[in-house]
Amino acid sequence: MTAYSLSERIYDYITTDEEGHTCEAISEQACTDVPQNFLLNTLNGTATKLAEQIASPSLVLPWFLSALGAPTALAGLLVPIRQAGSMLPQLAVAGRIRGFKKRKWFWVGAGLVQAVVLLLMALLAPTLPALGAGLTVVVLLGVFSLASGVGSVSFKDVMAKTIPQGRRGRLLAVRATTGGILALGAGWLLRTYVADAVALTPYLILLFIAAGLWFGAALLFGAIEEEDGATEGGRNALQEAKAGFKLLRKAPGFRRFIIARALLLSVTLSVPFYALDAKALTDNRTSSLGVFVIAASLAQVLSSPFWGRFSDRSSRTVMMLGGGLAAGAGTLALLFGFLPATQQNAYIYAFIFLLIGFARAGVRLGRKTYLVDGAPADQRPLYVALSNTIIGALTLAGGAFGLVAGAFGLRSLIAIFVILALLGVLLSWYMPEANQMVGAET
């Protein structure tokens, strides 16, 4: 059996249903390469999802900084830098990417940069004083995030050129599922060996493994067969910004998507505060975080196949359901404090992380599929970049949620997150379906 026939069998097993093979919105030649590209993209996603878990800015890197003796304040910068840094520069690079016939090499370059950054973290940080080590990790994470932003624009454009509409949600789901299965093992290792460790060695091993995974992912993405794309209409950053904000005025469907996505950003921003809430209400041991990692990874594994097929039918509905689950998780977290003290443990609170994991997977996969399916092919990088740039700026502003927690308490902040998630559900309801987003222009 050849590698290509194996990829065909895998693709048929995952995607073939009553509709049979379809190649909507891609060329005949690209259709021939779909099974191979689907498999390569899946393996790429498996590697990156696992790498993201074992070098997580919300879990592993804060503990790494603690083991280095770096100031605690630096750990609070990791998640905002990771999220915003990957989104803010996208509007500036989208026009440049469109000027190249093949866009996959931008992802390959970004993946290699991310691999090198993790290697530098592991090699440099242990040799520096505590403050210098912490600042080095933060600065390198900023570089990592900028590379991630370039890769994000490239990835969505390449996926739209190589995977037919109606199969993209399933691709994203399979990537998340396979990565999540491996992340379960990573969570167990964190729970058993890393969570309470004070030595640097376990963290360095994780960073080296993550760097290797990013390097392998870059090779896999480079092997994808991508046809030449249109290069007309390339713009500089200022022209791209003008064109982007013109879109917001002319396309009410896209504008509603941006607002709904902004409100549902609360689902992602809430997770660290659930961890703090759980730490305060349960046994207060850092090893409990390993339990929550396992719960979140399990949610990714269980939810992705469901969300993937559902998003191919209605990605708007997936966003709504994800927001609803997030609101439900927040409500349960508010009620957790009323349980008897003997029942307030990490394993019961892990159910809340299971729900929020389902919600995050649904919101993320739904909004990715919605944008790829709804944006015009010749303007897709602009739609992706504008959306991510706006959300990146709002993510930085989301740092104010920490001030809210300090002033009014975690329970009040969780209540705010519940309200924001419900508003996101409402806005998603008023969005057009993805294939009508551009048709809703006036």
Protein backbone atom coordinates (compact mmCIF):
# COMPACT_ATOMS: atom_id res chain seq x y z
CA MET A 1 0.00 0.00 0.00
CA THR A 2 1.45 3.34 -1.04
CA ALA A 3 1.51 6.37 1.23
CA TYR A 4 -1.00 8.07 -1.02
CA SER A 5 -3.44 5.14 -0.97
CA LEU A 6 -3.14 5.05 2.80
CA SER A 7 -3.99 8.75 2.96
CA GLU A 8 -7.01 8.10 0.73
CA ARG A 9 -8.24 5.35 3.03
CA ILE A 10 -7.82 7.53 6.10
CA TYR A 11 -9.52 10.48 4.41
CA ASP A 12 -12.43 8.30 3.26
CA TYR A 13 -12.86 6.84 6.73
CA ILE A 14 -12.95 10.25 8.40
CA THR A 15 -14.92 12.31 5.92
CA THR A 16 -17.00 10.19 3.55
CA ASP A 17 -20.69 10.25 4.39
CA GLU A 18 -23.99 10.31 2.58
CA GLU A 19 -22.79 13.29 0.55
CA GLY A 20 -19.80 11.40 -0.88
CA HIS A 21 -16.68 13.16 -2.09
CA THR A 22 -17.06 16.86 -2.72
CA CYS A 23 -14.51 19.47 -3.72
CA GLU A 24 -16.48 22.66 -3.41
CA ALA A 25 -14.50 25.90 -3.71
CA ILE A 26 -11.17 24.32 -4.74
CA SER A 27 -9.74 23.39 -8.14
CA GLU A 28 -9.84 19.95 -9.77
CA GLN A 29 -6.09 19.47 -9.31
CA ALA A 30 -6.29 20.48 -5.65
CA CYS A 31 -9.13 17.99 -5.24
CA THR A 32 -6.82 15.18 -6.34
CA ASP A 33 -4.35 16.10 -3.60
CA VAL A 34 -6.97 16.43 -0.83
CA PRO A 35 -6.44 13.04 0.91
CA GLN A 36 -2.68 13.49 1.13
CA ASN A 37 -3.00 17.09 2.25
CA PHE A 38 -5.66 16.15 4.81
CA LEU A 39 -3.32 13.56 6.36
CA LEU A 40 -0.30 15.90 6.38
CA ASN A 41 -2.38 18.69 7.91
CA THR A 42 -3.69 16.31 10.57
CA LEU A 43 -0.20 15.15 11.53
CA ASN A 44 0.95 18.78 11.58
CA GLY A 45 -1.91 19.66 13.93
CA THR A 46 -1.23 16.69 16.19
CA ALA A 47 2.36 17.82 16.66
CA THR A 48 1.50 21.47 17.28
CA LYS A 49 -1.38 20.75 19.65
CA LEU A 50 0.85 18.54 21.78
CA ALA A 51 3.67 21.09 21.67
CA GLU A 52 1.29 23.84 22.77
CA GLN A 53 0.21 21.72 25.72
CA ILE A 54 3.64 20.75 27.03
CA ALA A 55 4.98 24.31 26.68
CA SER A 56 1.75 26.03 27.67
CA PRO A 57 2.05 29.72 28.66
CA SER A 58 -0.86 29.25 31.07
CA LEU A 59 0.57 26.19 32.81
CA VAL A 60 4.14 25.07 32.12
CA LEU A 61 5.87 28.41 31.55
CA PRO A 62 4.59 29.99 34.80
CA TRP A 63 5.97 27.03 36.73
CA PHE A 64 9.21 27.31 34.73
CA LEU A 65 9.51 30.96 35.77
CA SER A 66 8.84 29.99 39.37
CA ALA A 67 11.57 27.34 39.25
CA LEU A 68 13.92 29.98 37.82
CA GLY A 69 13.09 32.26 40.74
CA ALA A 70 11.71 34.98 38.43
CA PRO A 71 9.30 37.60 39.84
CA THR A 72 5.69 36.45 39.99
CA ALA A 73 4.55 39.54 38.08
CA LEU A 74 6.27 38.25 34.95
CA ALA A 75 4.08 35.13 34.96
CA GLY A 76 1.04 37.37 34.68
CA LEU A 77 2.31 38.68 31.33
CA LEU A 78 2.59 35.29 29.63
CA VAL A 79 -0.99 34.65 28.50
CA PRO A 80 -1.73 38.21 27.27
CA ILE A 81 1.55 38.26 25.32
CA ARG A 82 0.86 34.82 23.85
CA GLN A 83 -2.67 35.68 22.77
CA ALA A 84 -2.30 39.30 21.67
CA GLY A 85 1.16 38.90 20.17
CA SER A 86 -0.10 36.26 17.77
CA MET A 87 -3.02 38.40 16.57
CA LEU A 88 -2.03 42.07 16.53
CA PRO A 89 0.55 41.92 13.67
CA GLN A 90 -1.63 39.91 11.31
CA LEU A 91 -3.15 42.90 9.54
CA ALA A 92 0.36 44.09 8.67
CA VAL A 93 1.47 40.77 7.17
CA ALA A 94 -1.73 39.71 5.39
CA GLY A 95 -1.08 41.90 2.36
CA ARG A 96 2.50 40.67 2.12
CA ILE A 97 1.39 37.05 2.22
CA ARG A 98 -1.09 37.65 -0.59
CA GLY A 99 1.79 38.81 -2.77
CA PHE A 100 3.20 35.25 -2.89
CA LYS A 101 1.77 32.46 -5.03
CA LYS A 102 2.42 29.83 -2.36
CA ARG A 103 1.59 30.75 1.21
CA LYS A 104 2.56 27.54 3.00
CA TRP A 105 6.18 28.67 3.36
CA PHE A 106 5.10 31.42 5.72
CA TRP A 107 3.76 28.75 8.08
CA VAL A 108 6.91 26.67 7.64
CA GLY A 109 9.10 29.66 8.48
CA ALA A 110 6.93 30.54 11.47
CA GLY A 111 7.09 26.95 12.75
CA LEU A 112 10.88 26.91 12.53
CA VAL A 113 11.09 30.22 14.41
CA GLN A 114 8.86 28.80 17.15
CA ALA A 115 11.09 25.74 17.43
CA VAL A 116 14.21 27.89 17.75
CA VAL A 117 12.56 30.14 20.34
CA LEU A 118 11.75 27.19 22.60
CA LEU A 119 15.29 25.90 22.24
CA LEU A 120 16.65 29.32 23.25
CA MET A 121 14.36 29.37 26.29
CA ALA A 122 15.74 26.04 27.42
CA LEU A 123 19.37 26.95 26.71
CA LEU A 124 19.54 30.59 27.86
CA ALA A 125 17.18 30.95 30.82
CA PRO A 126 19.02 28.56 33.21
CA THR A 127 22.28 30.46 32.67
CA LEU A 128 20.93 33.90 33.67
CA PRO A 129 20.06 35.56 36.99
CA ALA A 130 16.43 35.16 38.07
CA LEU A 131 15.16 38.49 36.74
CA GLY A 132 17.14 38.22 33.51
CA ALA A 133 15.90 34.66 32.99
CA GLY A 134 12.29 35.72 33.48
CA LEU A 135 12.60 38.67 31.11
CA THR A 136 14.28 36.42 28.53
CA VAL A 137 11.39 33.96 28.64
CA VAL A 138 8.84 36.78 28.28
CA VAL A 139 10.69 38.40 25.35
CA LEU A 140 11.18 35.06 23.58
CA LEU A 141 7.50 34.26 24.07
CA GLY A 142 6.74 37.57 22.34
CA VAL A 143 8.83 36.45 19.34
CA PHE A 144 7.08 33.07 19.44
CA SER A 145 3.70 34.79 19.37
CA LEU A 146 4.59 37.05 16.45
CA ALA A 147 5.63 33.99 14.45
CA SER A 148 2.39 32.31 15.44
CA GLY A 149 0.45 35.26 14.02
CA VAL A 150 2.16 34.94 10.65
CA GLY A 151 1.48 31.21 10.64
CA SER A 152 -2.19 31.74 11.48
CA VAL A 153 -2.87 33.87 8.39
CA SER A 154 -0.97 31.42 6.19
CA PHE A 155 -2.67 28.34 7.67
CA LYS A 156 -6.22 29.48 7.01
CA ASP A 157 -5.43 30.49 3.45
CA VAL A 158 -3.64 27.20 2.69
CA MET A 159 -6.45 25.19 4.26
CA ALA A 160 -9.03 26.99 2.13
CA LYS A 161 -6.98 26.23 -1.02
CA THR A 162 -6.32 22.56 -0.23
CA ILE A 163 -9.35 21.28 1.73
CA PRO A 164 -12.89 21.47 0.27
CA GLN A 165 -15.68 23.31 2.01
CA GLY A 166 -17.68 20.91 4.15
CA ARG A 167 -14.51 19.08 5.26
CA ARG A 168 -12.61 21.89 6.96
CA GLY A 169 -14.41 21.63 10.26
CA ARG A 170 -13.66 17.93 10.39
CA LEU A 171 -10.00 18.59 9.65
CA LEU A 172 -9.78 21.05 12.54
CA ALA A 173 -11.61 18.56 14.75
CA VAL A 174 -9.30 15.66 13.88
CA ARG A 175 -6.24 17.86 14.51
CA ALA A 176 -7.63 18.80 17.91
CA THR A 177 -8.68 15.24 18.78
CA THR A 178 -5.39 13.55 17.97
CA GLY A 179 -3.44 16.29 19.71
CA GLY A 180 -5.79 16.09 22.67
CA ILE A 181 -5.29 12.34 23.05
CA LEU A 182 -1.55 12.85 23.31
CA ALA A 183 -2.13 15.83 25.61
CA LEU A 184 -3.93 13.50 28.02
CA GLY A 185 -0.66 11.65 28.44
CA ALA A 186 1.15 14.96 28.80
CA GLY A 187 -1.33 16.00 31.50
CA TRP A 188 -0.68 12.78 33.39
CA LEU A 189 3.07 13.42 33.21
CA LEU A 190 2.58 16.98 34.45
CA ARG A 191 0.36 15.71 37.27
CA THR A 192 2.85 13.02 38.29
CA TYR A 193 6.29 14.46 37.67
CA VAL A 194 6.19 18.20 37.02
CA ALA A 195 3.43 19.86 39.01
CA ASP A 196 5.26 19.79 42.34
CA ALA A 197 8.79 19.69 41.01
CA VAL A 198 11.26 22.46 41.89
CA ALA A 199 14.17 21.30 39.73
CA LEU A 200 14.60 22.79 36.26
CA THR A 201 15.29 19.52 34.46
CA PRO A 202 11.65 18.45 33.84
CA TYR A 203 10.81 21.84 32.35
CA LEU A 204 13.87 21.83 30.13
CA ILE A 205 12.96 18.38 28.82
CA LEU A 206 9.44 19.60 28.00
CA LEU A 207 10.80 22.62 26.13
CA PHE A 208 13.22 20.49 24.10
CA ILE A 209 10.42 18.07 23.17
CA ALA A 210 8.11 20.94 22.21
CA ALA A 211 10.84 22.45 20.01
CA GLY A 212 11.27 19.11 18.24
CA LEU A 213 7.54 18.87 17.66
CA TRP A 214 7.44 22.34 16.08
CA PHE A 215 10.34 21.43 13.81
CA GLY A 216 8.56 18.25 12.71
CA ALA A 217 5.32 20.17 12.18
CA ALA A 218 7.12 22.61 9.88
CA LEU A 219 8.43 19.74 7.75
CA LEU A 220 4.95 18.24 7.50
CA PHE A 221 3.34 21.52 6.46
CA GLY A 222 6.05 22.06 3.85
CA ALA A 223 5.08 18.72 2.27
CA ILE A 224 1.50 19.89 1.60
CA GLU A 225 0.73 20.22 -2.12
CA GLU A 226 -0.44 23.79 -2.61
CA GLU A 227 -1.38 25.28 -5.95
CA ASP A 228 -0.34 28.80 -6.87
CA GLY A 229 -2.75 31.43 -5.62
CA ALA A 230 -3.71 34.85 -6.93
CA THR A 231 -1.21 37.57 -6.07
CA GLU A 232 -3.16 40.61 -7.21
CA GLY A 233 -4.22 43.21 -4.70
CA GLY A 234 -1.23 43.04 -2.37
CA ARG A 235 -1.12 46.06 -0.02
CA ASN A 236 1.15 47.53 2.60
CA ALA A 237 0.12 47.67 6.26
CA LEU A 238 -1.57 51.09 6.03
CA GLN A 239 -3.48 50.15 2.88
CA GLU A 240 -4.44 46.86 4.50
CA ALA A 241 -5.79 48.67 7.56
CA LYS A 242 -7.85 51.04 5.41
CA ALA A 243 -9.24 48.15 3.38
CA GLY A 244 -10.01 46.22 6.54
CA PHE A 245 -11.98 48.94 8.26
CA LYS A 246 -13.82 49.60 5.02
CA LEU A 247 -14.96 46.00 5.24
CA LEU A 248 -16.39 46.62 8.70
CA ARG A 249 -18.51 49.47 7.35
CA LYS A 250 -19.71 47.61 4.26
CA ALA A 251 -20.22 44.08 5.60
CA PRO A 252 -22.70 43.90 8.51
CA GLY A 253 -22.45 40.10 8.55
CA PHE A 254 -18.70 40.25 9.12
CA ARG A 255 -19.16 43.05 11.66
CA ARG A 256 -21.58 40.94 13.67
CA PHE A 257 -19.10 38.08 13.61
CA ILE A 258 -16.38 40.36 15.02
CA ILE A 259 -18.66 41.53 17.86
CA ALA A 260 -19.80 37.99 18.66
CA ARG A 261 -16.20 36.74 18.65
CA ALA A 262 -15.17 39.61 20.93
CA LEU A 263 -17.85 38.68 23.46
CA LEU A 264 -16.96 34.98 23.26
CA LEU A 265 -13.33 35.89 23.91
CA SER A 266 -14.48 35.80 27.52
CA VAL A 267 -14.53 31.99 27.26
CA THR A 268 -10.76 31.86 26.75
CA LEU A 269 -9.91 34.69 29.13
CA SER A 270 -11.90 33.09 31.94
CA VAL A 271 -9.87 29.87 32.19
CA PRO A 272 -6.95 31.17 34.32
CA PHE A 273 -9.47 32.65 36.76
CA TYR A 274 -11.27 29.33 37.05
CA ALA A 275 -7.88 27.84 37.94
CA LEU A 276 -7.38 30.47 40.65
CA ASP A 277 -10.91 29.89 41.91
CA ALA A 278 -10.33 26.15 42.01
CA LYS A 279 -7.05 26.60 43.86
CA ALA A 280 -8.76 28.74 46.48
CA LEU A 281 -11.73 26.40 46.94
CA THR A 282 -10.01 23.00 46.75
CA ASP A 283 -6.85 21.64 48.34
CA ASN A 284 -4.64 24.55 47.20
CA ARG A 285 -1.97 22.21 45.82
CA THR A 286 -0.28 22.96 42.51
CA SER A 287 -0.52 19.28 41.61
CA SER A 288 -4.28 19.80 41.20
CA LEU A 289 -3.49 21.69 38.00
CA GLY A 290 -2.52 18.39 36.43
CA VAL A 291 -6.06 17.15 37.07
CA PHE A 292 -7.43 20.21 35.28
CA VAL A 293 -5.07 19.70 32.34
CA ILE A 294 -6.36 16.16 31.98
CA ALA A 295 -9.96 17.37 32.17
CA ALA A 296 -9.36 20.03 29.52
CA SER A 297 -7.56 17.55 27.25
CA LEU A 298 -10.35 15.02 27.68
CA ALA A 299 -12.84 17.71 26.69
CA GLN A 300 -10.83 18.38 23.55
CA VAL A 301 -10.81 14.70 22.62
CA LEU A 302 -14.51 14.14 23.26
CA SER A 303 -15.82 17.40 21.82
CA SER A 304 -13.80 17.81 18.65
CA PRO A 305 -15.47 15.11 16.50
CA PHE A 306 -18.91 16.44 17.43
CA TRP A 307 -18.00 20.09 16.88
CA GLY A 308 -16.21 19.29 13.63
CA ARG A 309 -19.20 17.72 11.89
CA PHE A 310 -21.57 20.23 13.41
CA SER A 311 -19.49 23.21 12.26
CA ASP A 312 -19.50 21.92 8.68
CA ARG A 313 -23.29 22.20 8.84
CA SER A 314 -23.60 25.45 10.81
CA SER A 315 -20.50 27.02 12.36
CA ARG A 316 -22.68 29.87 13.68
CA THR A 317 -24.68 27.39 15.76
CA VAL A 318 -21.47 25.86 17.11
CA MET A 319 -20.40 29.30 18.37
CA MET A 320 -23.79 29.70 20.06
CA LEU A 321 -23.62 26.31 21.76
CA GLY A 322 -20.03 26.90 22.88
CA GLY A 323 -21.01 30.20 24.48
CA GLY A 324 -23.98 28.55 26.18
CA LEU A 325 -21.77 25.82 27.65
CA ALA A 326 -19.34 28.45 28.92
CA ALA A 327 -22.18 30.28 30.67
CA GLY A 328 -23.27 26.97 32.21
CA ALA A 329 -19.74 26.22 33.42
CA GLY A 330 -19.52 29.65 35.04
CA THR A 331 -22.84 29.13 36.78
CA LEU A 332 -21.67 25.81 38.18
CA ALA A 333 -18.45 27.44 39.38
CA LEU A 334 -20.50 30.03 41.26
CA LEU A 335 -22.51 27.24 42.87
CA PHE A 336 -19.42 25.19 43.75
CA GLY A 337 -18.75 27.31 46.81
CA PHE A 338 -22.06 26.20 48.32
CA LEU A 339 -21.05 22.52 48.33
CA PRO A 340 -20.07 20.91 51.64
CA ALA A 341 -16.38 21.40 52.40
CA THR A 342 -15.74 17.65 52.02
CA GLN A 343 -16.92 17.80 48.39
CA GLN A 344 -14.90 20.86 47.40
CA ASN A 345 -12.01 19.01 45.78
CA ALA A 346 -10.11 19.17 42.51
CA TYR A 347 -11.82 16.14 41.01
CA ILE A 348 -15.30 17.60 41.33
CA TYR A 349 -14.15 21.02 40.11
CA ALA A 350 -12.55 19.24 37.15
CA PHE A 351 -16.07 18.76 35.77
CA ILE A 352 -16.24 22.55 35.36
CA PHE A 353 -12.97 22.42 33.41
CA LEU A 354 -14.44 19.64 31.30
CA LEU A 355 -17.38 21.90 30.40
CA ILE A 356 -15.25 24.97 29.76
CA GLY A 357 -12.98 22.80 27.62
CA PHE A 358 -15.99 21.75 25.54
CA ALA A 359 -17.02 25.39 25.28
CA ARG A 360 -13.57 26.63 24.22
CA ALA A 361 -13.26 23.90 21.59
CA GLY A 362 -16.68 24.75 20.18
CA VAL A 363 -16.14 28.51 20.08
CA ARG A 364 -12.66 28.18 18.58
CA LEU A 365 -13.57 25.63 15.93
CA GLY A 366 -16.85 27.37 15.09
CA ARG A 367 -15.32 30.80 14.54
CA LYS A 368 -12.39 29.39 12.51
CA THR A 369 -14.70 27.43 10.21
CA TYR A 370 -17.11 30.37 9.93
CA LEU A 371 -14.40 32.75 8.78
CA VAL A 372 -12.72 30.36 6.34
CA ASP A 373 -16.06 29.38 4.78
CA GLY A 374 -17.52 32.88 4.74
CA ALA A 375 -14.62 35.03 3.53
CA PRO A 376 -14.12 35.51 -0.25
CA ALA A 377 -11.11 33.56 -1.53
CA ASP A 378 -9.28 36.62 -2.86
CA GLN A 379 -9.79 38.56 0.39
CA ARG A 380 -9.50 35.76 2.93
CA PRO A 381 -6.14 36.83 4.44
CA LEU A 382 -7.56 40.32 4.99
CA TYR A 383 -10.69 39.00 6.73
CA VAL A 384 -8.58 36.70 8.93
CA ALA A 385 -5.99 39.35 9.75
CA LEU A 386 -8.50 42.11 10.51
CA SER A 387 -10.52 39.82 12.77
CA ASN A 388 -7.44 38.62 14.66
CA THR A 389 -5.94 42.11 14.97
CA ILE A 390 -9.10 43.50 16.56
CA ILE A 391 -9.40 40.52 18.91
CA GLY A 392 -5.69 40.80 19.77
CA ALA A 393 -6.16 44.40 20.88
CA LEU A 394 -9.17 43.39 22.98
CA THR A 395 -7.13 40.56 24.52
CA LEU A 396 -4.61 43.09 25.80
CA ALA A 397 -7.48 45.14 27.21
CA GLY A 398 -8.70 41.93 28.84
CA GLY A 399 -5.78 42.24 31.25
CA ALA A 400 -8.07 44.58 33.17
CA PHE A 401 -10.08 41.55 34.28
CA GLY A 402 -7.30 40.89 36.80
CA LEU A 403 -7.97 44.29 38.33
CA VAL A 404 -11.68 43.43 38.54
CA ALA A 405 -10.84 40.20 40.35
CA GLY A 406 -8.59 42.07 42.77
CA ALA A 407 -11.19 44.74 43.50
CA PHE A 408 -14.38 42.69 43.60
CA GLY A 409 -13.26 39.08 43.95
CA LEU A 410 -13.12 36.05 41.66
CA ARG A 411 -16.79 35.20 42.11
CA SER A 412 -17.87 38.60 40.79
CA LEU A 413 -15.56 38.25 37.81
CA ILE A 414 -16.91 34.78 36.99
CA ALA A 415 -20.43 36.26 37.04
CA ILE A 416 -19.26 38.86 34.50
CA PHE A 417 -17.86 36.10 32.31
CA VAL A 418 -21.24 34.34 32.40
CA ILE A 419 -22.99 37.52 31.25
CA LEU A 420 -20.46 38.10 28.44
CA ALA A 421 -20.85 34.52 27.22
CA LEU A 422 -24.64 34.87 27.11
CA LEU A 423 -24.30 38.12 25.15
CA GLY A 424 -22.00 36.27 22.75
CA VAL A 425 -24.68 33.63 22.25
CA LEU A 426 -27.21 36.35 21.47
CA LEU A 427 -24.93 38.06 18.92
CA SER A 428 -24.13 34.71 17.30
CA TRP A 429 -27.86 34.16 16.89
CA TYR A 430 -28.09 37.38 14.86
CA MET A 431 -25.14 36.46 12.61
CA PRO A 432 -25.90 35.16 9.09
CA GLU A 433 -24.76 31.66 8.20
CA ALA A 434 -21.18 31.58 6.93
CA ASN A 435 -22.11 31.28 3.26
CA GLN A 436 -24.25 34.41 3.61
CA MET A 437 -21.72 36.57 5.47
CA VAL A 438 -20.51 38.41 2.38
CA GLY A 439 -23.99 38.37 0.85
CA ALA A 440 -25.11 40.39 3.86
CA GLU A 441 -23.03 43.35 2.63
CA THR A 442 -24.86 46.56 1.91
